[in-house]
Amino acid sequence: MLNISTVHIIKNYPELQLFQLDDSDRVIYKCSDLYHTIKDKKNDTHTTFKTKDGFQSGNILHDYSDNDIMLSIVDSMEQKLNAQYNIECNHVCLHMLDYASMSEVLWHNHKGTEDMSYILYLNDTLDGHTLFQFTNKECINIVPKKGLLAVFPSHLQHCGERSVQAKRILVGALRYKV
């Protein structure tokens, strides 16, 4: 299982929480292996979710369910969120994205397809920041940092700014158990 510790909760924005993976080097190494496996499968790529000029995998949750890092991430995230938010949730989707040179992800939310979302940053970059827009139209900017985990409700608008440094992320989608 992964060790996840709280870094901080952004003041005035209880909807967006940031965590740091304690063992991020191991996680990133495993995710990198998984990424290369996925990217080598040509038919697994799609761009239907606002990804512009970059790589986005299909839902890898079921296709790679025997991968130890996948099982570890899924289990750890569900336990962390269940404890943090006092809820019961399950993964419904997991994607890997690679921002190729000058690629971006346009403004969107995940409302209707999931209840909670998260982004795990797989590398450090100086560009390709993630912007989150709150209901009062105020935006905050998250700088991609390896092992940083951003957790947010699915209705929160966000985008990935243009990147030339090949930002890589893992995006998870969760539904509340009913």
Foldseek 3Di string as FASTA:
>chain_A
DWAKDFPAQDPPCNQKGKIFTPPLVVLLVLVVVVVVVQVVPPVQWDDPQQKFPWTKGFFCCPVPVVRPSSVVVQVVVQVVCCVVVVFGKGWDGKMKIWQAAFIKGDKDFQPPPAFKKKKAWSAFDQAFWKWWADPVRDIDTHGRHRRMMMMGTRVIIMMTHTDHPTTMIMMIGMHTDD
